[in-house]
Amino acid sequence: MVVTQLPRFHYLVFKNPPPSFKFFPKPKVPIKSTASTLFSAPKSTLSTTEPIPITDFSLPDEPKLEISLDKLFVPPETQVSCDDSSLSTRILKGSNIVLSKYARDAQVVQAEFVKSSVRTEDCPSDGLPEFALVGRSNVGKSSLLNSLVRRKRLALTSKKPGKTQCINHFCINDSWYLVDLPGYGYASAPQELRTDWGKFTKDYFINRSTLVSVFLLIDASIPAKKIDLEYASWLGQNQVPMTLIFTKCDKRKKKKNGGKRPEENMKDFQELICGFFQTVPPWIMTSSVTNQGRDEILLHMAQLRNYWLKH
């Protein structure tokens, strides 16, 4: 049995779109397995100074997540099968993402702030590929961006949520962009300004031709929020490529107080997502405190970016 993932824009299919919504025909992915075979996600070891050839990927033994074959995200031009004994070594730790031949040049050598924009048409026009980080205010977006580039104050963090009010472009290695978008759900500004931020953010998603993928940040330390589910469903309706980034996975709630572990909240969120999407989106567990997920995000961005550049 072979599973082949279709190109980007096709891996997110909204299950019950409104009548006015026209989307691509449902991709036919030949998944027919009912076996209980599980694959586990190992640890990645991404160097910040040297590119990682996919054939040299080293994976030490650590506690692993078990993921069924039909829950994996398989990048374009990548094949997997139940009989592939090496599959478990190709799944990024704390994620459902299979590595592809495009996972190269993932290290961050240089990072610089370029500009802030309040309109999509004011964003950089050099044609470089970009990845947008978005999430509910106070989800840890700026902290994650700083962790990715190993710069404590590249993106200004604040104890007061809702401070990011523009489309902020950061150039990485002079070859691609990380984009910090306004948080949703809270902002210490008048209502009319918050409405404008939401409007230009959605305009950016739909009209930005160089956008490779949106990374939607979800706080894994708390139960799923309706606003996050609504945002994810909007991205699905509009065929915007999306990866779920579960933040604050280092936090542990005490059972006696009724709290859940991040893994439990993450599982609950994915079950709710199943009601919106026909297929499971790619996801990664992260922590800006421990740097969990940093390497995995960069490798995932690298394979999406390199595929985008080729096609």
Protein backbone atom coordinates (compact mmCIF):
# COMPACT_ATOMS: atom_id res chain seq x y z
CA MET A 1 0.00 0.00 0.00
CA VAL A 2 1.39 3.39 -1.01
CA VAL A 3 0.17 6.79 0.13
CA THR A 4 1.05 9.74 -2.08
CA GLN A 5 0.27 13.29 -0.89
CA LEU A 6 -1.07 15.75 -3.44
CA PRO A 7 0.52 19.21 -3.92
CA ARG A 8 -0.06 22.13 -1.58
CA PHE A 9 -3.49 23.77 -1.49
CA HIS A 10 -4.97 20.26 -1.72
CA TYR A 11 -4.11 18.79 1.65
CA LEU A 12 -6.70 20.87 3.50
CA VAL A 13 -10.25 20.20 2.35
CA PHE A 14 -13.13 21.76 4.26
CA LYS A 15 -15.67 19.09 5.08
CA ASN A 16 -18.90 21.07 5.11
CA PRO A 17 -18.37 24.40 3.27
CA PRO A 18 -21.17 26.87 2.80
CA PRO A 19 -23.10 26.68 -0.52
CA SER A 20 -21.26 29.71 -1.91
CA PHE A 21 -17.84 28.16 -1.33
CA LYS A 22 -16.18 26.56 -4.36
CA PHE A 23 -13.16 24.40 -3.68
CA PHE A 24 -10.93 22.00 -5.56
CA PRO A 25 -12.37 18.50 -6.08
CA LYS A 26 -11.72 16.21 -3.17
CA PRO A 27 -8.30 14.57 -3.69
CA LYS A 28 -8.41 10.82 -3.93
CA VAL A 29 -5.74 9.52 -1.59
CA PRO A 30 -5.55 5.74 -1.69
CA ILE A 31 -5.68 5.01 2.04
CA LYS A 32 -7.49 1.74 2.61
CA SER A 33 -5.61 0.31 5.53
CA THR A 34 -7.56 -0.78 8.59
CA ALA A 35 -4.51 -2.21 10.27
CA SER A 36 -3.48 -0.93 13.67
CA THR A 37 0.12 -0.44 12.57
CA LEU A 38 1.55 2.63 14.31
CA PHE A 39 4.61 4.66 13.47
CA SER A 40 6.54 6.65 16.04
CA ALA A 41 8.04 10.10 15.72
CA PRO A 42 11.71 10.37 16.74
CA LYS A 43 13.86 13.34 17.66
CA SER A 44 15.43 15.63 15.09
CA THR A 45 18.85 17.18 15.58
CA LEU A 46 19.01 20.28 13.40
CA SER A 47 22.32 22.08 13.23
CA THR A 48 22.24 25.88 13.19
CA THR A 49 25.45 26.10 11.23
CA GLU A 50 25.38 23.28 8.71
CA PRO A 51 22.77 22.03 6.25
CA ILE A 52 21.39 18.56 7.02
CA PRO A 53 21.40 16.07 4.15
CA ILE A 54 18.30 13.94 4.52
CA THR A 55 20.35 10.76 4.27
CA ASP A 56 22.45 11.76 7.30
CA PHE A 57 19.52 12.40 9.63
CA SER A 58 20.49 11.14 13.10
CA LEU A 59 17.76 10.03 15.47
CA PRO A 60 18.60 9.04 19.06
CA ASP A 61 16.15 6.92 21.04
CA GLU A 62 13.62 8.88 23.11
CA PRO A 63 9.99 8.49 24.19
CA LYS A 64 7.91 8.60 21.03
CA LEU A 65 4.42 9.53 19.90
CA GLU A 66 2.50 6.82 18.11
CA ILE A 67 0.75 7.93 14.92
CA SER A 68 -1.36 5.81 12.59
CA LEU A 69 -0.53 5.86 8.90
CA ASP A 70 -3.68 7.69 7.88
CA LYS A 71 -2.89 10.52 10.34
CA LEU A 72 0.47 11.36 8.78
CA PHE A 73 1.18 14.42 6.66
CA VAL A 74 3.05 13.20 3.61
CA PRO A 75 4.69 15.99 1.55
CA PRO A 76 4.37 16.13 -2.25
CA GLU A 77 6.52 13.71 -4.25
CA THR A 78 6.95 11.51 -1.16
CA GLN A 79 5.81 7.92 -0.85
CA VAL A 80 5.20 5.90 2.30
CA SER A 81 3.88 2.42 2.91
CA CYS A 82 3.15 0.09 5.81
CA ASP A 83 5.99 -2.12 4.63
CA ASP A 84 8.58 0.68 4.80
CA SER A 85 10.79 -0.24 7.77
CA SER A 86 12.53 3.15 7.67
CA LEU A 87 9.33 5.20 7.91
CA SER A 88 9.59 5.73 11.67
CA THR A 89 12.97 7.43 11.20
CA ARG A 90 11.45 9.90 8.74
CA ILE A 91 8.75 11.30 11.01
CA LEU A 92 9.64 14.49 12.85
CA LYS A 93 9.53 14.22 16.64
CA GLY A 94 6.37 15.57 18.25
CA SER A 95 4.59 15.85 14.91
CA ASN A 96 2.75 13.89 12.21
CA ILE A 97 5.07 15.13 9.44
CA VAL A 98 7.10 12.86 7.18
CA LEU A 99 10.41 14.23 5.95
CA SER A 100 10.90 14.46 2.19
CA LYS A 101 13.83 14.93 -0.15
CA TYR A 102 13.16 18.67 -0.01
CA ALA A 103 14.10 18.94 3.70
CA ARG A 104 17.44 20.70 3.22
CA ASP A 105 19.04 24.09 3.98
CA ALA A 106 16.90 24.37 7.09
CA GLN A 107 19.37 26.20 9.33
CA VAL A 108 18.96 29.88 10.21
CA VAL A 109 22.22 31.76 9.73
CA GLN A 110 20.93 35.32 9.47
CA ALA A 111 17.70 37.04 10.48
CA GLU A 112 16.78 40.70 10.05
CA PHE A 113 13.65 42.77 10.49
CA VAL A 114 12.68 44.30 7.13
CA LYS A 115 9.46 46.27 7.49
CA SER A 116 5.97 46.58 8.95
CA SER A 117 2.97 46.94 6.64
CA VAL A 118 -0.69 47.72 7.17
CA ARG A 119 -1.73 46.65 3.65
CA THR A 120 -0.89 43.55 1.64
CA GLU A 121 0.24 45.68 -1.28
CA ASP A 122 2.81 47.38 0.98
CA CYS A 123 4.56 44.09 1.80
CA PRO A 124 7.99 43.30 0.26
CA SER A 125 7.76 42.77 -3.49
CA ASP A 126 10.96 40.81 -4.11
CA GLY A 127 9.11 37.52 -4.66
CA LEU A 128 10.80 35.57 -1.86
CA PRO A 129 8.75 32.75 -0.27
CA GLU A 130 7.30 33.39 3.18
CA PHE A 131 5.66 31.69 6.14
CA ALA A 132 3.12 33.53 8.29
CA LEU A 133 2.78 33.00 12.04
CA VAL A 134 -0.68 33.76 13.41
CA GLY A 135 -2.59 32.89 16.55
CA ARG A 136 -4.72 34.11 19.40
CA SER A 137 -3.14 36.97 21.33
CA ASN A 138 -0.81 35.77 24.09
CA VAL A 139 -0.34 32.37 22.44
CA GLY A 140 3.44 32.88 22.40
CA LYS A 141 3.87 33.91 18.77
CA SER A 142 6.70 36.41 19.21
CA SER A 143 8.49 34.08 21.63
CA LEU A 144 8.34 31.27 19.07
CA LEU A 145 9.69 33.54 16.34
CA ASN A 146 12.59 34.55 18.59
CA SER A 147 13.24 30.89 19.36
CA LEU A 148 13.32 29.95 15.67
CA VAL A 149 16.03 32.50 14.89
CA ARG A 150 17.77 32.23 18.30
CA ARG A 151 17.43 35.96 18.88
CA LYS A 152 15.87 37.06 22.16
CA ARG A 153 14.43 40.33 20.89
CA LEU A 154 14.12 40.03 17.13
CA ALA A 155 10.35 40.08 17.59
CA LEU A 156 9.34 42.22 20.56
CA THR A 157 7.53 40.22 23.22
CA SER A 158 5.14 41.80 25.65
CA LYS A 159 3.23 40.79 28.77
CA LYS A 160 0.35 42.79 27.32
CA PRO A 161 -1.30 40.72 24.55
CA GLY A 162 -2.36 42.19 21.23
CA LYS A 163 0.70 44.39 20.66
CA THR A 164 1.47 43.14 17.15
CA GLN A 165 -0.66 45.41 14.97
CA CYS A 166 1.01 45.17 11.56
CA ILE A 167 2.25 42.61 9.06
CA ASN A 168 5.89 42.30 10.14
CA HIS A 169 8.42 40.79 7.73
CA PHE A 170 11.70 39.24 8.92
CA CYS A 171 14.17 38.16 6.23
CA ILE A 172 15.93 34.83 6.87
CA ASN A 173 19.26 34.06 5.19
CA ASP A 174 18.46 36.69 2.54
CA SER A 175 16.28 34.05 0.87
CA TRP A 176 12.89 33.78 2.61
CA TYR A 177 10.62 35.50 5.13
CA LEU A 178 9.06 34.79 8.48
CA VAL A 179 5.96 36.95 8.87
CA ASP A 180 4.54 37.95 12.26
CA LEU A 181 0.82 38.73 11.95
CA PRO A 182 -1.54 40.47 14.40
CA GLY A 183 -2.99 38.20 17.04
CA TYR A 184 -6.74 37.67 17.14
CA GLY A 185 -9.14 37.50 20.05
CA TYR A 186 -7.74 40.46 22.00
CA ALA A 187 -6.01 43.77 21.44
CA SER A 188 -5.52 46.86 23.57
CA ALA A 189 -6.85 49.14 20.86
CA PRO A 190 -10.23 50.53 19.76
CA GLN A 191 -12.70 48.08 18.22
CA GLU A 192 -12.52 49.70 14.78
CA LEU A 193 -8.76 49.15 14.63
CA ARG A 194 -9.11 45.51 15.68
CA THR A 195 -11.62 45.02 12.86
CA ASP A 196 -9.22 46.57 10.35
CA TRP A 197 -6.40 44.26 11.51
CA GLY A 198 -8.60 41.21 10.95
CA LYS A 199 -9.59 42.48 7.52
CA PHE A 200 -6.08 43.13 6.24
CA THR A 201 -4.80 39.87 7.72
CA LYS A 202 -7.39 37.88 5.76
CA ASP A 203 -6.66 39.94 2.66
CA TYR A 204 -3.01 38.99 3.10
CA PHE A 205 -3.87 35.28 3.31
CA ILE A 206 -5.94 35.34 0.13
CA ASN A 207 -3.93 37.72 -2.05
CA ARG A 208 -0.30 37.21 -1.03
CA SER A 209 1.09 35.15 -3.92
CA THR A 210 4.40 34.36 -2.16
CA LEU A 211 2.75 32.87 0.94
CA VAL A 212 3.85 29.24 1.16
CA SER A 213 1.95 28.32 4.32
CA VAL A 214 0.28 29.72 7.43
CA PHE A 215 1.45 28.40 10.78
CA LEU A 216 -1.55 28.62 13.12
CA LEU A 217 -0.45 28.69 16.76
CA ILE A 218 -2.65 26.93 19.33
CA ASP A 219 -2.05 27.08 23.10
CA ALA A 220 -1.74 23.43 24.16
CA SER A 221 -1.71 24.28 27.86
CA ILE A 222 -5.46 25.06 27.84
CA PRO A 223 -8.57 23.43 26.36
CA ALA A 224 -9.49 24.14 22.73
CA LYS A 225 -10.95 27.59 22.10
CA LYS A 226 -13.86 28.20 19.76
CA ILE A 227 -12.10 31.19 18.18
CA ASP A 228 -9.14 28.98 17.21
CA LEU A 229 -11.44 26.41 15.60
CA GLU A 230 -13.23 29.18 13.72
CA TYR A 231 -9.93 30.59 12.47
CA ALA A 232 -8.78 27.16 11.32
CA SER A 233 -12.07 26.57 9.53
CA TRP A 234 -11.77 29.95 7.76
CA LEU A 235 -8.33 29.00 6.47
CA GLY A 236 -9.75 25.70 5.24
CA GLN A 237 -12.69 27.34 3.50
CA ASN A 238 -10.33 29.63 1.63
CA GLN A 239 -7.85 26.90 0.69
CA VAL A 240 -4.98 28.53 2.60
CA PRO A 241 -2.23 25.95 3.37
CA MET A 242 -1.93 25.54 7.14
CA THR A 243 0.22 23.84 9.76
CA LEU A 244 -0.94 23.63 13.37
CA ILE A 245 1.72 24.69 15.88
CA PHE A 246 0.86 23.65 19.43
CA THR A 247 2.65 26.04 21.82
CA LYS A 248 3.49 25.91 25.55
CA CYS A 249 3.86 22.13 25.51
CA ASP A 250 6.28 22.39 28.44
CA LYS A 251 3.45 23.36 30.81
CA ARG A 252 1.95 20.61 32.93
CA LYS A 253 -1.44 20.96 34.59
CA LYS A 254 -2.16 19.15 37.84
CA LYS A 255 -4.78 16.44 37.50
CA LYS A 256 -6.19 17.20 40.94
CA ASN A 257 -7.11 20.66 39.72
CA GLY A 258 -8.91 19.28 36.68
CA GLY A 259 -6.25 20.39 34.22
CA LYS A 260 -5.11 18.38 31.22
CA ARG A 261 -1.66 17.72 29.87
CA PRO A 262 -0.70 19.45 26.58
CA GLU A 263 -0.89 16.10 24.76
CA GLU A 264 -4.50 15.69 25.88
CA ASN A 265 -5.49 19.22 24.84
CA MET A 266 -3.76 18.69 21.52
CA LYS A 267 -5.66 15.45 20.94
CA ASP A 268 -8.95 17.14 21.83
CA PHE A 269 -8.27 19.97 19.38
CA GLN A 270 -7.46 17.55 16.57
CA GLU A 271 -10.66 15.62 17.20
CA LEU A 272 -12.61 18.88 16.89
CA ILE A 273 -10.69 19.74 13.72
CA CYS A 274 -11.88 16.46 12.22
CA GLY A 275 -15.32 18.01 12.08
CA PHE A 276 -14.02 20.72 9.75
CA PHE A 277 -11.47 18.95 7.59
CA GLN A 278 -11.50 15.86 5.43
CA THR A 279 -7.82 15.16 6.10
CA VAL A 280 -5.57 15.82 9.08
CA PRO A 281 -3.41 18.96 8.76
CA PRO A 282 0.30 18.79 9.61
CA TRP A 283 1.02 19.62 13.25
CA ILE A 284 4.03 20.14 15.53
CA MET A 285 4.36 20.35 19.33
CA THR A 286 6.53 23.24 20.56
CA SER A 287 7.84 25.15 23.56
CA SER A 288 9.74 28.44 23.36
CA VAL A 289 11.08 27.73 26.86
CA THR A 290 12.75 24.41 26.04
CA ASN A 291 13.05 25.00 22.26
CA GLN A 292 11.00 21.85 21.69
CA GLY A 293 9.82 21.78 18.09
CA ARG A 294 12.22 24.43 16.83
CA ASP A 295 14.19 22.05 14.62
CA GLU A 296 11.04 20.34 13.42
CA ILE A 297 9.43 23.63 12.35
CA LEU A 298 12.54 24.69 10.42
CA LEU A 299 12.79 21.33 8.65
CA HIS A 300 9.09 21.42 7.77
CA MET A 301 9.43 24.98 6.47
CA ALA A 302 12.49 23.94 4.45
CA GLN A 303 10.74 21.11 2.63
CA LEU A 304 7.66 23.22 1.90
CA ARG A 305 9.81 26.13 0.75
CA ASN A 306 12.08 24.08 -1.50
CA TYR A 307 9.12 22.35 -3.11
CA TRP A 308 7.44 25.75 -3.64
CA LEU A 309 10.59 27.16 -5.27
CA LYS A 310 10.87 24.21 -7.64
CA HIS A 311 7.22 24.42 -8.72
